[in-house]
C-alpha atoms as a PDB file:
ATOM      1  CA  VAL A   1     114.555  71.597  66.356  1.00  0.00           C
ATOM      2  CA  GLY A   2     118.154  72.844  66.442  1.00  0.00           C
ATOM      3  CA  ALA A   3     117.302  75.271  69.209  1.00  0.00           C
ATOM      4  CA  GLY A   4     115.477  72.520  71.083  1.00  0.00           C
ATOM      5  CA  MET A   5     118.389  70.108  70.717  1.00  0.00           C
ATOM      6  CA  CYS A   6     120.880  72.759  71.891  1.00  0.00           C
ATOM      7  CA  ARG A   7     118.719  73.612  74.889  1.00  0.00           C
ATOM      8  CA  GLY A   8     118.349  69.906  75.520  1.00  0.00           C
ATOM      9  CA  MET A   9     122.049  69.734  76.367  1.00  0.00           C
ATOM     10  CA  GLY A  10     121.494  72.109  79.287  1.00  0.00           C
ATOM     11  CA  GLU A  11     121.940  71.016  82.872  1.00  0.00           C
ATOM     12  CA  GLY A  12     118.865  69.359  84.390  1.00  0.00           C
ATOM     13  CA  VAL A  13     117.065  68.601  81.105  1.00  0.00           C
ATOM     14  CA  LYS A  14     115.428  65.165  81.164  1.00  0.00           C
ATOM     15  CA  TYR A  15     115.035  64.728  77.399  1.00  0.00           C
ATOM     16  CA  VAL A  16     114.071  66.371  74.103  1.00  0.00           C
ATOM     17  CA  ASP A  17     111.068  65.116  72.155  1.00  0.00           C
ATOM     18  CA  VAL A  18     111.344  65.940  68.429  1.00  0.00           C
ATOM     19  CA  LEU A  19     107.776  66.396  67.191  1.00  0.00           C
ATOM     20  CA  GLU A  20     108.509  67.443  63.591  1.00  0.00           C
ATOM     21  CA  VAL A  21     111.888  67.251  61.882  1.00  0.00           C
ATOM     22  CA  GLY A  22     112.785  70.484  60.124  1.00  0.00           C
ATOM     23  CA  GLY A  23     115.765  72.110  58.539  1.00  0.00           C
ATOM     24  CA  GLY A  24     116.561  74.754  55.970  1.00  0.00           C
ATOM     25  CA  SER A  25     113.270  76.498  55.239  1.00  0.00           C
ATOM     26  CA  LYS A  26     111.175  73.707  56.749  1.00  0.00           C
ATOM     27  CA  GLU A  27     109.842  74.440  60.223  1.00  0.00           C
ATOM     28  CA  GLY A  28     110.489  71.863  62.915  1.00  0.00           C
ATOM     29  CA  LYS A  29     109.088  71.392  66.397  1.00  0.00           C
ATOM     30  CA  ALA A  30     110.605  69.980  69.575  1.00  0.00           C
ATOM     31  CA  THR A  31     109.692  69.858  73.244  1.00  0.00           C
ATOM     32  CA  VAL A  32     112.371  70.214  75.919  1.00  0.00           C
ATOM     33  CA  VAL A  33     111.307  68.322  79.049  1.00  0.00           C
ATOM     34  CA  THR A  34     112.674  69.336  82.455  1.00  0.00           C
ATOM     35  CA  PRO A  35     111.848  68.211  85.987  1.00  0.00           C
ATOM     36  CA  LYS A  36     108.808  69.951  87.488  1.00  0.00           C
ATOM     37  CA  TYR A  37     109.840  72.613  89.957  1.00  0.00           C
ATOM     38  CA  GLU A  38     107.459  74.630  92.100  1.00  0.00           C
ATOM     39  CA  LYS A  39     107.852  78.177  93.345  1.00  0.00           C
ATOM     40  CA  LEU A  40     108.395  78.502  97.087  1.00  0.00           C
ATOM     41  CA  VAL A  41     108.736  81.939  98.682  1.00  0.00           C
ATOM     42  CA  ILE A  42     109.876  82.255 102.297  1.00  0.00           C
ATOM     43  CA  GLY A  43     109.406  85.532 104.140  1.00  0.00           C
ATOM     44  CA  ILE A  44     111.905  86.172 106.948  1.00  0.00           C
ATOM     45  CA  ASP A  45     111.951  88.895 109.593  1.00  0.00           C
ATOM     46  CA  ASP A  46     113.569  89.891 112.869  1.00  0.00           C
ATOM     47  CA  THR A  47     116.938  88.142 112.756  1.00  0.00           C
ATOM     48  CA  ASP A  48     118.865  91.162 114.033  1.00  0.00           C
ATOM     49  CA  VAL A  49     118.945  93.341 117.129  1.00  0.00           C
ATOM     50  CA  LYS A  50     119.286  97.119 117.507  1.00  0.00           C
ATOM     51  CA  ASP A  51     123.092  97.129 117.465  1.00  0.00           C
ATOM     52  CA  ALA A  52     124.053  93.995 115.520  1.00  0.00           C
ATOM     53  CA  GLY A  53     123.139  92.017 112.439  1.00  0.00           C
ATOM     54  CA  ALA A  54     120.957  92.708 109.416  1.00  0.00           C
ATOM     55  CA  THR A  55     118.065  90.533 108.259  1.00  0.00           C
ATOM     56  CA  TRP A  56     118.745  91.266 104.578  1.00  0.00           C
ATOM     57  CA  THR A  57     122.337  90.033 104.858  1.00  0.00           C
ATOM     58  CA  MET A  58     121.543  86.956 106.929  1.00  0.00           C
ATOM     59  CA  ALA A  59     118.710  85.955 104.589  1.00  0.00           C
ATOM     60  CA  HIS A  60     120.917  86.258 101.501  1.00  0.00           C
ATOM     61  CA  ASN A  61     123.662  84.229 103.181  1.00  0.00           C
ATOM     62  CA  ILE A  62     121.097  81.545 104.010  1.00  0.00           C
ATOM     63  CA  GLY A  63     119.949  81.520 100.377  1.00  0.00           C
ATOM     64  CA  LEU A  64     123.540  81.082  99.202  1.00  0.00           C
ATOM     65  CA  GLN A  65     124.161  78.314 101.734  1.00  0.00           C
ATOM     66  CA  LEU A  66     121.029  76.472 100.615  1.00  0.00           C
ATOM     67  CA  LYS A  67     122.157  76.848  96.989  1.00  0.00           C
ATOM     68  CA  GLU A  68     125.485  75.233  97.912  1.00  0.00           C
ATOM     69  CA  GLU A  69     123.467  72.392  99.459  1.00  0.00           C
ATOM     70  CA  GLY A  70     121.681  71.780  96.145  1.00  0.00           C
ATOM     71  CA  PHE A  71     118.536  73.911  96.354  1.00  0.00           C
ATOM     72  CA  GLU A  72     117.608  76.329  93.539  1.00  0.00           C
ATOM     73  CA  TYR A  73     117.876  79.792  95.129  1.00  0.00           C
ATOM     74  CA  LEU A  74     116.351  82.302  92.701  1.00  0.00           C
ATOM     75  CA  ASP A  75     115.796  85.662  94.343  1.00  0.00           C
ATOM     76  CA  HIS A  76     116.197  87.892  97.387  1.00  0.00           C
ATOM     77  CA  ILE A  77     113.744  90.795  97.723  1.00  0.00           C
ATOM     78  CA  ILE A  78     114.030  93.478 100.404  1.00  0.00           C
ATOM     79  CA  VAL A  79     110.654  94.745 101.640  1.00  0.00           C
ATOM     80  CA  GLN A  80     110.794  98.072 103.454  1.00  0.00           C
ATOM     81  CA  LEU A  81     108.393  98.140 106.399  1.00  0.00           C
ATOM     82  CA  PHE A  82     106.878 101.052 108.354  1.00  0.00           C
ATOM     83  CA  PRO A  83     109.890 103.166 109.405  1.00  0.00           C
ATOM     84  CA  HIS A  84     108.257 104.533 112.574  1.00  0.00           C
ATOM     85  CA  ASN A  85     107.612 101.098 114.070  1.00  0.00           C
ATOM     86  CA  PRO A  86     108.887 101.073 117.676  1.00  0.00           C
ATOM     87  CA  HIS A  87     109.706  97.337 117.321  1.00  0.00           C
ATOM     88  CA  LYS A  88     112.132  97.916 114.423  1.00  0.00           C
ATOM     89  CA  THR A  89     115.758  96.912 114.743  1.00  0.00           C
ATOM     90  CA  GLN A  90     118.470  97.913 112.236  1.00  0.00           C
ATOM     91  CA  ASN A  91     116.855  98.697 108.892  1.00  0.00           C
ATOM     92  CA  CYS A  92     113.148  97.967 109.319  1.00  0.00           C
ATOM     93  CA  VAL A  93     112.997  95.524 106.408  1.00  0.00           C
ATOM     94  CA  SER A  94     111.840  91.969 105.921  1.00  0.00           C
ATOM     95  CA  ILE A  95     113.049  89.623 103.205  1.00  0.00           C
ATOM     96  CA  ALA A  96     111.440  87.297 100.673  1.00  0.00           C
ATOM     97  CA  LEU A  97     113.652  84.451  99.451  1.00  0.00           C
ATOM     98  CA  THR A  98     112.406  82.662  96.333  1.00  0.00           C
ATOM     99  CA  PHE A  99     113.306  79.082  95.473  1.00  0.00           C
ATOM    100  CA  ALA A 100     112.427  76.604  92.719  1.00  0.00           C
ATOM    101  CA  VAL A 101     111.923  73.295  94.461  1.00  0.00           C
ATOM    102  CA  MET A 102     110.736  69.816  93.609  1.00  0.00           C
ATOM    103  CA  GLU A 103     107.657  68.724  95.543  1.00  0.00           C
ATOM    104  CA  GLU A 104     109.548  66.036  97.440  1.00  0.00           C
ATOM    105  CA  ASP A 105     112.203  68.532  98.605  1.00  0.00           C
ATOM    106  CA  LYS A 106     109.939  71.268 100.031  1.00  0.00           C
ATOM    107  CA  GLU A 107     109.919  70.083 103.625  1.00  0.00           C
ATOM    108  CA  LYS A 108     113.651  69.410 103.551  1.00  0.00           C
ATOM    109  CA  LEU A 109     114.344  72.963 102.343  1.00  0.00           C
ATOM    110  CA  ILE A 110     112.029  74.520 104.945  1.00  0.00           C
ATOM    111  CA  SER A 111     113.472  72.413 107.768  1.00  0.00           C
ATOM    112  CA  ARG A 112     117.021  73.258 106.752  1.00  0.00           C
ATOM    113  CA  LEU A 113     116.254  76.985 106.530  1.00  0.00           C
ATOM    114  CA  ILE A 114     114.715  76.911 110.020  1.00  0.00           C
ATOM    115  CA  GLU A 115     117.728  74.997 111.343  1.00  0.00           C
ATOM    116  CA  ILE A 116     120.122  77.619 109.957  1.00  0.00           C
ATOM    117  CA  LEU A 117     118.003  80.465 111.332  1.00  0.00           C
ATOM    118  CA  GLU A 118     117.852  78.884 114.792  1.00  0.00           C
ATOM    119  CA  HIS A 119     121.634  78.685 114.785  1.00  0.00           C
ATOM    120  CA  ASP A 120     122.449  82.083 113.252  1.00  0.00           C
ATOM    121  CA  THR A 121     119.735  84.514 114.357  1.00  0.00           C
ATOM    122  CA  LEU A 122     120.626  87.165 116.914  1.00  0.00           C
ATOM    123  CA  SER A 123     116.995  87.788 117.841  1.00  0.00           C
ATOM    124  CA  ASP A 124     114.427  86.120 120.047  1.00  0.00           C
ATOM    125  CA  LYS A 125     111.683  87.343 117.651  1.00  0.00           C
ATOM    126  CA  THR A 126     112.617  85.572 114.392  1.00  0.00           C
ATOM    127  CA  ALA A 127     109.792  84.151 112.266  1.00  0.00           C
ATOM    128  CA  ILE A 128     109.102  82.934 108.742  1.00  0.00           C
ATOM    129  CA  ALA A 129     106.090  82.719 106.428  1.00  0.00           C
ATOM    130  CA  ILE A 130     105.772  80.317 103.486  1.00  0.00           C
ATOM    131  CA  LEU A 131     103.957  80.886 100.180  1.00  0.00           C
ATOM    132  CA  GLU A 132     103.715  78.131  97.600  1.00  0.00           C
ATOM    133  CA  GLY A 133     102.899  78.711  93.952  1.00  0.00           C
ATOM    134  CA  ILE A 134     102.816  81.597  91.515  1.00  0.00           C
ATOM    135  CA  GLY A 135      99.963  83.871  92.586  1.00  0.00           C
ATOM    136  CA  ILE A 136      99.707  86.346  95.450  1.00  0.00           C
ATOM    137  CA  PRO A 137      96.246  86.628  97.022  1.00  0.00           C
ATOM    138  CA  PRO A 138      94.949  90.240  96.874  1.00  0.00           C
ATOM    139  CA  GLU A 139      94.400  90.201 100.655  1.00  0.00           C
ATOM    140  CA  LEU A 140      98.077  89.391 101.167  1.00  0.00           C
ATOM    141  CA  ARG A 141      99.190  92.307  99.023  1.00  0.00           C
ATOM    142  CA  GLU A 142      96.802  94.628 100.910  1.00  0.00           C
ATOM    143  CA  TYR A 143      98.262  93.411 104.204  1.00  0.00           C
ATOM    144  CA  ALA A 144     101.809  94.040 102.925  1.00  0.00           C
ATOM    145  CA  MET A 145     100.916  97.592 101.917  1.00  0.00           C
ATOM    146  CA  ALA A 146      99.283  98.223 105.292  1.00  0.00           C
ATOM    147  CA  THR A 147     102.447  96.953 107.012  1.00  0.00           C
ATOM    148  CA  LYS A 148     104.592  99.326 104.934  1.00  0.00           C
ATOM    149  CA  THR A 149     102.464 102.368 105.703  1.00  0.00           C
ATOM    150  CA  GLY A 150     101.429 101.850 109.325  1.00  0.00           C
ATOM    151  CA  MET A 151     101.584  99.707 112.423  1.00  0.00           C
ATOM    152  CA  MET A 152     100.537  96.070 112.268  1.00  0.00           C
ATOM    153  CA  ASP A 153     100.147  93.497 115.034  1.00  0.00           C
ATOM    154  CA  VAL A 154     100.968  89.805 115.326  1.00  0.00           C
ATOM    155  CA  GLU A 155      97.322  88.814 115.824  1.00  0.00           C
ATOM    156  CA  THR A 156      96.297  90.335 112.478  1.00  0.00           C
ATOM    157  CA  ALA A 157      99.188  88.556 110.742  1.00  0.00           C
ATOM    158  CA  GLU A 158      98.227  85.224 112.319  1.00  0.00           C
ATOM    159  CA  LYS A 159      94.546  85.646 111.405  1.00  0.00           C
ATOM    160  CA  LEU A 160      95.284  86.456 107.761  1.00  0.00           C
ATOM    161  CA  ALA A 161      97.844  83.656 107.439  1.00  0.00           C
ATOM    162  CA  GLU A 162      95.269  81.193 108.778  1.00  0.00           C
ATOM    163  CA  GLU A 163      92.585  82.476 106.369  1.00  0.00           C
ATOM    164  CA  LEU A 164      94.962  82.146 103.409  1.00  0.00           C
ATOM    165  CA  ASP A 165      96.449  78.825 104.582  1.00  0.00           C
ATOM    166  CA  ILE A 166      99.954  80.303 104.721  1.00  0.00           C
ATOM    167  CA  PRO A 167     102.248  78.660 107.286  1.00  0.00           C
ATOM    168  CA  LEU A 168     103.516  81.284 109.731  1.00  0.00           C
ATOM    169  CA  ILE A 169     106.263  79.878 111.958  1.00  0.00           C
ATOM    170  CA  ALA A 170     107.839  81.411 115.041  1.00  0.00           C
ATOM    171  CA  VAL A 171     111.471  80.300 114.804  1.00  0.00           C
ATOM    172  CA  THR A 172     112.516  82.046 118.034  1.00  0.00           C
ATOM    173  CA  GLY A 173     109.510  84.340 118.597  1.00  0.00           C
ATOM    174  CA  ASP A 174     106.248  85.774 117.279  1.00  0.00           C
ATOM    175  CA  GLN A 175     107.050  89.419 116.472  1.00  0.00           C
ATOM    176  CA  GLY A 176     108.793  88.521 113.212  1.00  0.00           C
ATOM    177  CA  LYS A 177     105.544  87.061 111.849  1.00  0.00           C
ATOM    178  CA  VAL A 178     104.346  90.574 110.956  1.00  0.00           C
ATOM    179  CA  GLY A 179     107.185  91.351 108.543  1.00  0.00           C
ATOM    180  CA  ALA A 180     107.679  87.782 107.314  1.00  0.00           C
ATOM    181  CA  LEU A 181     104.082  87.682 106.069  1.00  0.00           C
ATOM    182  CA  ALA A 182     104.377  91.175 104.556  1.00  0.00           C
ATOM    183  CA  ALA A 183     107.440  90.097 102.558  1.00  0.00           C
ATOM    184  CA  LEU A 184     105.350  87.493 100.742  1.00  0.00           C
ATOM    185  CA  GLY A 185     102.812  90.071  99.593  1.00  0.00           C
ATOM    186  CA  LEU A 186     105.341  92.157  97.663  1.00  0.00           C
ATOM    187  CA  HIS A 187     107.961  89.632  96.555  1.00  0.00           C
ATOM    188  CA  ASP A 188     106.976  90.117  92.909  1.00  0.00           C
ATOM    189  CA  ASP A 189     106.951  93.941  92.933  1.00  0.00           C
ATOM    190  CA  VAL A 190     110.477  95.182  93.624  1.00  0.00           C
ATOM    191  CA  ASP A 191     109.677  98.849  92.985  1.00  0.00           C
ATOM    192  CA  GLU A 192     106.927  98.865  95.601  1.00  0.00           C
ATOM    193  CA  ALA A 193     108.803  96.560  97.972  1.00  0.00           C
ATOM    194  CA  VAL A 194     111.695  98.978  98.447  1.00  0.00           C
ATOM    195  CA  LYS A 195     109.638 102.181  98.721  1.00  0.00           C
ATOM    196  CA  VAL A 196     109.710 103.973 102.057  1.00  0.00           C
ATOM    197  CA  TYR A 197     106.518 105.604 103.361  1.00  0.00           C
ATOM    198  CA  TYR A 198     107.133 108.254 106.030  1.00  0.00           C
END
């Protein structure tokens, strides 16, 4: 109960429900109740051009800006893509940004992220992909691995996104859809995400 009461003083806690009073050698039980947040992962690619910008930097800056605006920015994962891709720009990576968001704030977060990208991107090929929830479909992980190890096309990305009901949005163009979708497939596996396959 003491641990529950102490945690109950944390920021964002709604209340603590003491189920059994304890103390000394007597065990107690308490439930700490917080607002329900959902996991939202946004894949971003193609915000830079050959001689300027970097998607990994821009994405992190967007995450920090959204945090300042009240959204819960949790993580920034760099996903290395196929290094011999003729469409690559600076570093040949896409990014997965992870947020904890309340259901009623999802659309606001997505709209704001798109607004910032439209303003800040240097590319006419910028796109995002959006994954809600905890799990990653096996087909999405397979696609991400295929995108790391070989060429992938926009049509394949669009087809898979449609099959998996994953929104794939061209912010300024379609080419970024390939990497944006791939970022979602490896956002929970940092070791694999950063590996380079030559």
